[in-house]
Amino acid sequence: GIVSLRIFREGLTLFMIVESDSSL
């Protein structure tokens, strides 16, 4: 049900944005 998953990096730090929809 994940509709979008994006990972960003700043130096050694990672940021992950996950959008999901349980109906999918």
mmCIF file of all heavy atoms, coordinates in Angstrom:
data_MODEL
# 
_entry.id   MODEL 
# 
loop_
_atom_site.group_PDB 
_atom_site.id 
_atom_site.type_symbol 
_atom_site.label_atom_id 
_atom_site.label_alt_id 
_atom_site.label_comp_id 
_atom_site.label_asym_id 
_atom_site.label_entity_id 
_atom_site.label_seq_id 
_atom_site.pdbx_PDB_ins_code 
_atom_site.Cartn_x 
_atom_site.Cartn_y 
_atom_site.Cartn_z 
_atom_site.occupancy 
_atom_site.B_iso_or_equiv 
_atom_site.pdbx_formal_charge 
_atom_site.auth_seq_id 
_atom_site.auth_comp_id 
_atom_site.auth_asym_id 
_atom_site.auth_atom_id 
_atom_site.pdbx_PDB_model_num 
ATOM 1   N N   . GLY A 1 1  ? 0.798  -1.221 0.000  1.00 0.00 ? 1  GLY A N   1 
ATOM 2   C CA  . GLY A 1 1  ? 0.000  0.000  0.000  1.00 0.00 ? 1  GLY A CA  1 
ATOM 3   C C   . GLY A 1 1  ? 0.834  1.276  0.000  1.00 0.00 ? 1  GLY A C   1 
ATOM 4   O O   . GLY A 1 1  ? 0.283  2.370  0.147  1.00 0.00 ? 1  GLY A O   1 
ATOM 5   N N   . ILE A 1 2  ? 2.145  1.155  -0.172 1.00 0.00 ? 2  ILE A N   1 
ATOM 6   C CA  . ILE A 1 2  ? 2.988  2.347  -0.234 1.00 0.00 ? 2  ILE A CA  1 
ATOM 7   C C   . ILE A 1 2  ? 2.807  2.995  -1.609 1.00 0.00 ? 2  ILE A C   1 
ATOM 8   O O   . ILE A 1 2  ? 2.994  2.351  -2.628 1.00 0.00 ? 2  ILE A O   1 
ATOM 9   C CB  . ILE A 1 2  ? 4.462  1.996  0.033  1.00 0.00 ? 2  ILE A CB  1 
ATOM 10  C CG1 . ILE A 1 2  ? 4.612  1.489  1.470  1.00 0.00 ? 2  ILE A CG1 1 
ATOM 11  C CG2 . ILE A 1 2  ? 5.355  3.214  -0.216 1.00 0.00 ? 2  ILE A CG2 1 
ATOM 12  C CD1 . ILE A 1 2  ? 5.993  0.983  1.811  1.00 0.00 ? 2  ILE A CD1 1 
ATOM 13  N N   . VAL A 1 3  ? 2.399  4.262  -1.598 1.00 0.00 ? 3  VAL A N   1 
ATOM 14  C CA  . VAL A 1 3  ? 2.166  4.972  -2.859 1.00 0.00 ? 3  VAL A CA  1 
ATOM 15  C C   . VAL A 1 3  ? 3.316  5.914  -3.197 1.00 0.00 ? 3  VAL A C   1 
ATOM 16  O O   . VAL A 1 3  ? 3.480  6.313  -4.349 1.00 0.00 ? 3  VAL A O   1 
ATOM 17  C CB  . VAL A 1 3  ? 0.819  5.737  -2.845 1.00 0.00 ? 3  VAL A CB  1 
ATOM 18  C CG1 . VAL A 1 3  ? -0.340 4.756  -2.790 1.00 0.00 ? 3  VAL A CG1 1 
ATOM 19  C CG2 . VAL A 1 3  ? 0.746  6.715  -1.689 1.00 0.00 ? 3  VAL A CG2 1 
ATOM 20  N N   . SER A 1 4  ? 4.113  6.258  -2.206 1.00 0.00 ? 4  SER A N   1 
ATOM 21  C CA  . SER A 1 4  ? 5.278  7.109  -2.431 1.00 0.00 ? 4  SER A CA  1 
ATOM 22  C C   . SER A 1 4  ? 6.296  6.847  -1.331 1.00 0.00 ? 4  SER A C   1 
ATOM 23  O O   . SER A 1 4  ? 5.930  6.746  -0.156 1.00 0.00 ? 4  SER A O   1 
ATOM 24  C CB  . SER A 1 4  ? 4.865  8.585  -2.419 1.00 0.00 ? 4  SER A CB  1 
ATOM 25  O OG  . SER A 1 4  ? 5.996  9.421  -2.539 1.00 0.00 ? 4  SER A OG  1 
ATOM 26  N N   . LEU A 1 5  ? 7.554  6.730  -1.722 1.00 0.00 ? 5  LEU A N   1 
ATOM 27  C CA  . LEU A 1 5  ? 8.643  6.583  -0.759 1.00 0.00 ? 5  LEU A CA  1 
ATOM 28  C C   . LEU A 1 5  ? 9.824  7.362  -1.315 1.00 0.00 ? 5  LEU A C   1 
ATOM 29  O O   . LEU A 1 5  ? 10.261 7.110  -2.434 1.00 0.00 ? 5  LEU A O   1 
ATOM 30  C CB  . LEU A 1 5  ? 9.020  5.115  -0.556 1.00 0.00 ? 5  LEU A CB  1 
ATOM 31  C CG  . LEU A 1 5  ? 10.010 4.862  0.579  1.00 0.00 ? 5  LEU A CG  1 
ATOM 32  C CD1 . LEU A 1 5  ? 9.737  3.511  1.211  1.00 0.00 ? 5  LEU A CD1 1 
ATOM 33  C CD2 . LEU A 1 5  ? 11.445 4.952  0.124  1.00 0.00 ? 5  LEU A CD2 1 
ATOM 34  N N   . ARG A 1 6  ? 10.272 8.349  -0.557 1.00 0.00 ? 6  ARG A N   1 
ATOM 35  C CA  . ARG A 1 6  ? 11.386 9.200  -0.982 1.00 0.00 ? 6  ARG A CA  1 
ATOM 36  C C   . ARG A 1 6  ? 12.415 9.247  0.134  1.00 0.00 ? 6  ARG A C   1 
ATOM 37  O O   . ARG A 1 6  ? 12.050 9.333  1.313  1.00 0.00 ? 6  ARG A O   1 
ATOM 38  C CB  . ARG A 1 6  ? 10.879 10.606 -1.294 1.00 0.00 ? 6  ARG A CB  1 
ATOM 39  C CG  . ARG A 1 6  ? 9.870  10.592 -2.433 1.00 0.00 ? 6  ARG A CG  1 
ATOM 40  C CD  . ARG A 1 6  ? 9.098  11.879 -2.543 1.00 0.00 ? 6  ARG A CD  1 
ATOM 41  N NE  . ARG A 1 6  ? 9.978  12.981 -2.892 1.00 0.00 ? 6  ARG A NE  1 
ATOM 42  C CZ  . ARG A 1 6  ? 9.626  14.261 -2.756 1.00 0.00 ? 6  ARG A CZ  1 
ATOM 43  N NH1 . ARG A 1 6  ? 8.448  14.584 -2.294 1.00 0.00 ? 6  ARG A NH1 1 
ATOM 44  N NH2 . ARG A 1 6  ? 10.461 15.211 -3.097 1.00 0.00 ? 6  ARG A NH2 1 
ATOM 45  N N   . ILE A 1 7  ? 13.700 9.201  -0.239 1.00 0.00 ? 7  ILE A N   1 
ATOM 46  C CA  . ILE A 1 7  ? 14.786 9.298  0.736  1.00 0.00 ? 7  ILE A CA  1 
ATOM 47  C C   . ILE A 1 7  ? 15.667 10.478 0.341  1.00 0.00 ? 7  ILE A C   1 
ATOM 48  O O   . ILE A 1 7  ? 16.039 10.627 -0.826 1.00 0.00 ? 7  ILE A O   1 
ATOM 49  C CB  . ILE A 1 7  ? 15.623 7.998  0.780  1.00 0.00 ? 7  ILE A CB  1 
ATOM 50  C CG1 . ILE A 1 7  ? 14.748 6.812  1.199  1.00 0.00 ? 7  ILE A CG1 1 
ATOM 51  C CG2 . ILE A 1 7  ? 16.809 8.159  1.750  1.00 0.00 ? 7  ILE A CG2 1 
ATOM 52  C CD1 . ILE A 1 7  ? 15.455 5.464  1.144  1.00 0.00 ? 7  ILE A CD1 1 
ATOM 53  N N   . PHE A 1 8  ? 15.987 11.306 1.328  1.00 0.00 ? 8  PHE A N   1 
ATOM 54  C CA  . PHE A 1 8  ? 16.851 12.459 1.149  1.00 0.00 ? 8  PHE A CA  1 
ATOM 55  C C   . PHE A 1 8  ? 18.062 12.296 2.064  1.00 0.00 ? 8  PHE A C   1 
ATOM 56  O O   . PHE A 1 8  ? 17.972 11.645 3.094  1.00 0.00 ? 8  PHE A O   1 
ATOM 57  C CB  . PHE A 1 8  ? 16.121 13.761 1.527  1.00 0.00 ? 8  PHE A CB  1 
ATOM 58  C CG  . PHE A 1 8  ? 14.891 14.013 0.711  1.00 0.00 ? 8  PHE A CG  1 
ATOM 59  C CD1 . PHE A 1 8  ? 13.669 13.466 1.078  1.00 0.00 ? 8  PHE A CD1 1 
ATOM 60  C CD2 . PHE A 1 8  ? 14.955 14.808 -0.427 1.00 0.00 ? 8  PHE A CD2 1 
ATOM 61  C CE1 . PHE A 1 8  ? 12.530 13.699 0.329  1.00 0.00 ? 8  PHE A CE1 1 
ATOM 62  C CE2 . PHE A 1 8  ? 13.823 15.050 -1.178 1.00 0.00 ? 8  PHE A CE2 1 
ATOM 63  C CZ  . PHE A 1 8  ? 12.607 14.497 -0.804 1.00 0.00 ? 8  PHE A CZ  1 
ATOM 64  N N   . ARG A 1 9  ? 19.170 12.920 1.686  1.00 0.00 ? 9  ARG A N   1 
ATOM 65  C CA  . ARG A 1 9  ? 20.369 12.853 2.518  1.00 0.00 ? 9  ARG A CA  1 
ATOM 66  C C   . ARG A 1 9  ? 20.937 14.241 2.710  1.00 0.00 ? 9  ARG A C   1 
ATOM 67  O O   . ARG A 1 9  ? 21.019 15.033 1.777  1.00 0.00 ? 9  ARG A O   1 
ATOM 68  C CB  . ARG A 1 9  ? 21.432 11.965 1.865  1.00 0.00 ? 9  ARG A CB  1 
ATOM 69  C CG  . ARG A 1 9  ? 22.695 11.817 2.715  1.00 0.00 ? 9  ARG A CG  1 
ATOM 70  C CD  . ARG A 1 9  ? 23.695 10.857 2.094  1.00 0.00 ? 9  ARG A CD  1 
ATOM 71  N NE  . ARG A 1 9  ? 24.286 11.357 0.874  1.00 0.00 ? 9  ARG A NE  1 
ATOM 72  C CZ  . ARG A 1 9  ? 25.291 12.238 0.815  1.00 0.00 ? 9  ARG A CZ  1 
ATOM 73  N NH1 . ARG A 1 9  ? 25.814 12.727 1.916  1.00 0.00 ? 9  ARG A NH1 1 
ATOM 74  N NH2 . ARG A 1 9  ? 25.773 12.631 -0.361 1.00 0.00 ? 9  ARG A NH2 1 
ATOM 75  N N   . GLU A 1 10 ? 21.329 14.538 3.933  1.00 0.00 ? 10 GLU A N   1 
ATOM 76  C CA  . GLU A 1 10 ? 22.074 15.751 4.278  1.00 0.00 ? 10 GLU A CA  1 
ATOM 77  C C   . GLU A 1 10 ? 23.244 15.292 5.129  1.00 0.00 ? 10 GLU A C   1 
ATOM 78  O O   . GLU A 1 10 ? 23.051 14.854 6.267  1.00 0.00 ? 10 GLU A O   1 
ATOM 79  C CB  . GLU A 1 10 ? 21.197 16.745 5.047  1.00 0.00 ? 10 GLU A CB  1 
ATOM 80  C CG  . GLU A 1 10 ? 21.946 17.921 5.634  1.00 0.00 ? 10 GLU A CG  1 
ATOM 81  C CD  . GLU A 1 10 ? 22.728 18.721 4.607  1.00 0.00 ? 10 GLU A CD  1 
ATOM 82  O OE1 . GLU A 1 10 ? 22.268 18.881 3.451  1.00 0.00 ? 10 GLU A OE1 1 
ATOM 83  O OE2 . GLU A 1 10 ? 23.834 19.188 4.953  1.00 0.00 ? 10 GLU A OE2 1 
ATOM 84  N N   . GLY A 1 11 ? 24.426 15.308 4.527  1.00 0.00 ? 11 GLY A N   1 
ATOM 85  C CA  . GLY A 1 11 ? 25.596 14.781 5.233  1.00 0.00 ? 11 GLY A CA  1 
ATOM 86  C C   . GLY A 1 11 ? 25.409 13.295 5.465  1.00 0.00 ? 11 GLY A C   1 
ATOM 87  O O   . GLY A 1 11 ? 25.184 12.528 4.524  1.00 0.00 ? 11 GLY A O   1 
ATOM 88  N N   . LEU A 1 12 ? 25.458 12.887 6.706  1.00 0.00 ? 12 LEU A N   1 
ATOM 89  C CA  . LEU A 1 12 ? 25.295 11.468 7.064  1.00 0.00 ? 12 LEU A CA  1 
ATOM 90  C C   . LEU A 1 12 ? 23.869 11.144 7.509  1.00 0.00 ? 12 LEU A C   1 
ATOM 91  O O   . LEU A 1 12 ? 23.573 10.004 7.848  1.00 0.00 ? 12 LEU A O   1 
ATOM 92  C CB  . LEU A 1 12 ? 26.275 11.091 8.186  1.00 0.00 ? 12 LEU A CB  1 
ATOM 93  C CG  . LEU A 1 12 ? 27.753 11.256 7.837  1.00 0.00 ? 12 LEU A CG  1 
ATOM 94  C CD1 . LEU A 1 12 ? 28.619 10.943 9.055  1.00 0.00 ? 12 LEU A CD1 1 
ATOM 95  C CD2 . LEU A 1 12 ? 28.136 10.377 6.656  1.00 0.00 ? 12 LEU A CD2 1 
ATOM 96  N N   . THR A 1 13 ? 22.995 12.143 7.500  1.00 0.00 ? 13 THR A N   1 
ATOM 97  C CA  . THR A 1 13 ? 21.622 11.950 7.968  1.00 0.00 ? 13 THR A CA  1 
ATOM 98  C C   . THR A 1 13 ? 20.694 11.695 6.785  1.00 0.00 ? 13 THR A C   1 
ATOM 99  O O   . THR A 1 13 ? 20.721 12.413 5.793  1.00 0.00 ? 13 THR A O   1 
ATOM 100 C CB  . THR A 1 13 ? 21.140 13.189 8.747  1.00 0.00 ? 13 THR A CB  1 
ATOM 101 O OG1 . THR A 1 13 ? 22.059 13.452 9.810  1.00 0.00 ? 13 THR A OG1 1 
ATOM 102 C CG2 . THR A 1 13 ? 19.753 12.973 9.323  1.00 0.00 ? 13 THR A CG2 1 
ATOM 103 N N   . LEU A 1 14 ? 19.879 10.651 6.920  1.00 0.00 ? 14 LEU A N   1 
ATOM 104 C CA  . LEU A 1 14 ? 18.884 10.293 5.911  1.00 0.00 ? 14 LEU A CA  1 
ATOM 105 C C   . LEU A 1 14 ? 17.496 10.634 6.429  1.00 0.00 ? 14 LEU A C   1 
ATOM 106 O O   . LEU A 1 14 ? 17.212 10.469 7.623  1.00 0.00 ? 14 LEU A O   1 
ATOM 107 C CB  . LEU A 1 14 ? 18.929 8.791  5.617  1.00 0.00 ? 14 LEU A CB  1 
ATOM 108 C CG  . LEU A 1 14 ? 20.219 8.245  5.048  1.00 0.00 ? 14 LEU A CG  1 
ATOM 109 C CD1 . LEU A 1 14 ? 20.180 6.717  5.040  1.00 0.00 ? 14 LEU A CD1 1 
ATOM 110 C CD2 . LEU A 1 14 ? 20.455 8.775  3.649  1.00 0.00 ? 14 LEU A CD2 1 
ATOM 111 N N   . PHE A 1 15 ? 16.639 11.087 5.526  1.00 0.00 ? 15 PHE A N   1 
ATOM 112 C CA  . PHE A 1 15 ? 15.242 11.372 5.840  1.00 0.00 ? 15 PHE A CA  1 
ATOM 113 C C   . PHE A 1 15 ? 14.395 10.592 4.843  1.00 0.00 ? 15 PHE A C   1 
ATOM 114 O O   . PHE A 1 15 ? 14.600 10.708 3.633  1.00 0.00 ? 15 PHE A O   1 
ATOM 115 C CB  . PHE A 1 15 ? 14.944 12.869 5.692  1.00 0.00 ? 15 PHE A CB  1 
ATOM 116 C CG  . PHE A 1 15 ? 15.815 13.738 6.551  1.00 0.00 ? 15 PHE A CG  1 
ATOM 117 C CD1 . PHE A 1 15 ? 17.030 14.214 6.076  1.00 0.00 ? 15 PHE A CD1 1 
ATOM 118 C CD2 . PHE A 1 15 ? 15.429 14.059 7.836  1.00 0.00 ? 15 PHE A CD2 1 
ATOM 119 C CE1 . PHE A 1 15 ? 17.841 15.004 6.859  1.00 0.00 ? 15 PHE A CE1 1 
ATOM 120 C CE2 . PHE A 1 15 ? 16.233 14.858 8.639  1.00 0.00 ? 15 PHE A CE2 1 
ATOM 121 C CZ  . PHE A 1 15 ? 17.444 15.327 8.146  1.00 0.00 ? 15 PHE A CZ  1 
ATOM 122 N N   . MET A 1 16 ? 13.474 9.798  5.337  1.00 0.00 ? 16 MET A N   1 
ATOM 123 C CA  . MET A 1 16 ? 12.603 9.008  4.462  1.00 0.00 ? 16 MET A CA  1 
ATOM 124 C C   . MET A 1 16 ? 11.160 9.457  4.681  1.00 0.00 ? 16 MET A C   1 
ATOM 125 O O   . MET A 1 16 ? 10.683 9.513  5.811  1.00 0.00 ? 16 MET A O   1 
ATOM 126 C CB  . MET A 1 16 ? 12.735 7.510  4.766  1.00 0.00 ? 16 MET A CB  1 
ATOM 127 C CG  . MET A 1 16 ? 11.845 6.647  3.904  1.00 0.00 ? 16 MET A CG  1 
ATOM 128 S SD  . MET A 1 16 ? 12.215 4.867  3.970  1.00 0.00 ? 16 MET A SD  1 
ATOM 129 C CE  . MET A 1 16 ? 12.094 4.496  5.706  1.00 0.00 ? 16 MET A CE  1 
ATOM 130 N N   . ILE A 1 17 ? 10.498 9.775  3.575  1.00 0.00 ? 17 ILE A N   1 
ATOM 131 C CA  . ILE A 1 17 ? 9.084  10.157 3.605  1.00 0.00 ? 17 ILE A CA  1 
ATOM 132 C C   . ILE A 1 17 ? 8.310  9.041  2.928  1.00 0.00 ? 17 ILE A C   1 
ATOM 133 O O   . ILE A 1 17 ? 8.548  8.729  1.758  1.00 0.00 ? 17 ILE A O   1 
ATOM 134 C CB  . ILE A 1 17 ? 8.860  11.491 2.868  1.00 0.00 ? 17 ILE A CB  1 
ATOM 135 C CG1 . ILE A 1 17 ? 9.714  12.590 3.500  1.00 0.00 ? 17 ILE A CG1 1 
ATOM 136 C CG2 . ILE A 1 17 ? 7.370  11.854 2.878  1.00 0.00 ? 17 ILE A CG2 1 
ATOM 137 C CD1 . ILE A 1 17 ? 9.746  13.872 2.707  1.00 0.00 ? 17 ILE A CD1 1 
ATOM 138 N N   . VAL A 1 18 ? 7.411  8.432  3.680  1.00 0.00 ? 18 VAL A N   1 
ATOM 139 C CA  . VAL A 1 18 ? 6.620  7.315  3.180  1.00 0.00 ? 18 VAL A CA  1 
ATOM 140 C C   . VAL A 1 18 ? 5.149  7.706  3.234  1.00 0.00 ? 18 VAL A C   1 
ATOM 141 O O   . VAL A 1 18 ? 4.650  8.124  4.285  1.00 0.00 ? 18 VAL A O   1 
ATOM 142 C CB  . VAL A 1 18 ? 6.829  6.033  4.030  1.00 0.00 ? 18 VAL A CB  1 
ATOM 143 C CG1 . VAL A 1 18 ? 6.021  4.877  3.474  1.00 0.00 ? 18 VAL A CG1 1 
ATOM 144 C CG2 . VAL A 1 18 ? 8.298  5.681  4.136  1.00 0.00 ? 18 VAL A CG2 1 
ATOM 145 N N   . GLU A 1 19 ? 4.482  7.572  2.097  1.00 0.00 ? 19 GLU A N   1 
ATOM 146 C CA  . GLU A 1 19 ? 3.035  7.773  2.054  1.00 0.00 ? 19 GLU A CA  1 
ATOM 147 C C   . GLU A 1 19 ? 2.407  6.441  1.694  1.00 0.00 ? 19 GLU A C   1 
ATOM 148 O O   . GLU A 1 19 ? 2.808  5.803  0.721  1.00 0.00 ? 19 GLU A O   1 
ATOM 149 C CB  . GLU A 1 19 ? 2.664  8.836  1.026  1.00 0.00 ? 19 GLU A CB  1 
ATOM 150 C CG  . GLU A 1 19 ? 3.156  10.208 1.405  1.00 0.00 ? 19 GLU A CG  1 
ATOM 151 C CD  . GLU A 1 19 ? 2.743  11.259 0.401  1.00 0.00 ? 19 GLU A CD  1 
ATOM 152 O OE1 . GLU A 1 19 ? 1.640  11.147 -0.176 1.00 0.00 ? 19 GLU A OE1 1 
ATOM 153 O OE2 . GLU A 1 19 ? 3.529  12.190 0.192  1.00 0.00 ? 19 GLU A OE2 1 
ATOM 154 N N   . SER A 1 20 ? 1.452  6.025  2.504  1.00 0.00 ? 20 SER A N   1 
ATOM 155 C CA  . SER A 1 20 ? 0.801  4.744  2.245  1.00 0.00 ? 20 SER A CA  1 
ATOM 156 C C   . SER A 1 20 ? -0.714 4.896  2.341  1.00 0.00 ? 20 SER A C   1 
ATOM 157 O O   . SER A 1 20 ? -1.229 5.843  2.930  1.00 0.00 ? 20 SER A O   1 
ATOM 158 C CB  . SER A 1 20 ? 1.292  3.682  3.234  1.00 0.00 ? 20 SER A CB  1 
ATOM 159 O OG  . SER A 1 20 ? 1.027  4.083  4.560  1.00 0.00 ? 20 SER A OG  1 
ATOM 160 N N   . ASP A 1 21 ? -1.385 3.940  1.740  1.00 0.00 ? 21 ASP A N   1 
ATOM 161 C CA  . ASP A 1 21 ? -2.847 3.909  1.730  1.00 0.00 ? 21 ASP A CA  1 
ATOM 162 C C   . ASP A 1 21 ? -3.260 2.467  1.996  1.00 0.00 ? 21 ASP A C   1 
ATOM 163 O O   . ASP A 1 21 ? -3.049 1.594  1.150  1.00 0.00 ? 21 ASP A O   1 
ATOM 164 C CB  . ASP A 1 21 ? -3.369 4.388  0.376  1.00 0.00 ? 21 ASP A CB  1 
ATOM 165 C CG  . ASP A 1 21 ? -4.879 4.490  0.327  1.00 0.00 ? 21 ASP A CG  1 
ATOM 166 O OD1 . ASP A 1 21 ? -5.555 3.728  1.046  1.00 0.00 ? 21 ASP A OD1 1 
ATOM 167 O OD2 . ASP A 1 21 ? -5.382 5.324  -0.442 1.00 0.00 ? 21 ASP A OD2 1 
ATOM 168 N N   . SER A 1 22 ? -3.800 2.224  3.174  1.00 0.00 ? 22 SER A N   1 
ATOM 169 C CA  . SER A 1 22 ? -4.145 0.853  3.568  1.00 0.00 ? 22 SER A CA  1 
ATOM 170 C C   . SER A 1 22 ? -5.179 0.214  2.640  1.00 0.00 ? 22 SER A C   1 
ATOM 171 O O   . SER A 1 22 ? -5.212 -1.007 2.493  1.00 0.00 ? 22 SER A O   1 
ATOM 172 C CB  . SER A 1 22 ? -4.643 0.815  5.019  1.00 0.00 ? 22 SER A CB  1 
ATOM 173 O OG  . SER A 1 22 ? -5.793 1.640  5.161  1.00 0.00 ? 22 SER A OG  1 
ATOM 174 N N   . SER A 1 23 ? -5.987 1.031  1.963  1.00 0.00 ? 23 SER A N   1 
ATOM 175 C CA  . SER A 1 23 ? -6.992 0.463  1.059  1.00 0.00 ? 23 SER A CA  1 
ATOM 176 C C   . SER A 1 23 ? -6.353 -0.119 -0.207 1.00 0.00 ? 23 SER A C   1 
ATOM 177 O O   . SER A 1 23 ? -6.991 -0.864 -0.940 1.00 0.00 ? 23 SER A O   1 
ATOM 178 C CB  . SER A 1 23 ? -8.047 1.503  0.687  1.00 0.00 ? 23 SER A CB  1 
ATOM 179 O OG  . SER A 1 23 ? -7.498 2.498  -0.155 1.00 0.00 ? 23 SER A OG  1 
ATOM 180 N N   . LEU A 1 24 ? -5.085 0.233  -0.467 1.00 0.00 ? 24 LEU A N   1 
ATOM 181 C CA  . LEU A 1 24 ? -4.389 -0.274 -1.648 1.00 0.00 ? 24 LEU A CA  1 
ATOM 182 C C   . LEU A 1 24 ? -3.534 -1.507 -1.348 1.00 0.00 ? 24 LEU A C   1 
ATOM 183 O O   . LEU A 1 24 ? -2.996 -2.126 -2.259 1.00 0.00 ? 24 LEU A O   1 
ATOM 184 C CB  . LEU A 1 24 ? -3.508 0.819  -2.251 1.00 0.00 ? 24 LEU A CB  1 
ATOM 185 C CG  . LEU A 1 24 ? -4.240 2.079  -2.713 1.00 0.00 ? 24 LEU A CG  1 
ATOM 186 C CD1 . LEU A 1 24 ? -3.240 3.131  -3.176 1.00 0.00 ? 24 LEU A CD1 1 
ATOM 187 C CD2 . LEU A 1 24 ? -5.241 1.746  -3.808 1.00 0.00 ? 24 LEU A CD2 1 
# 
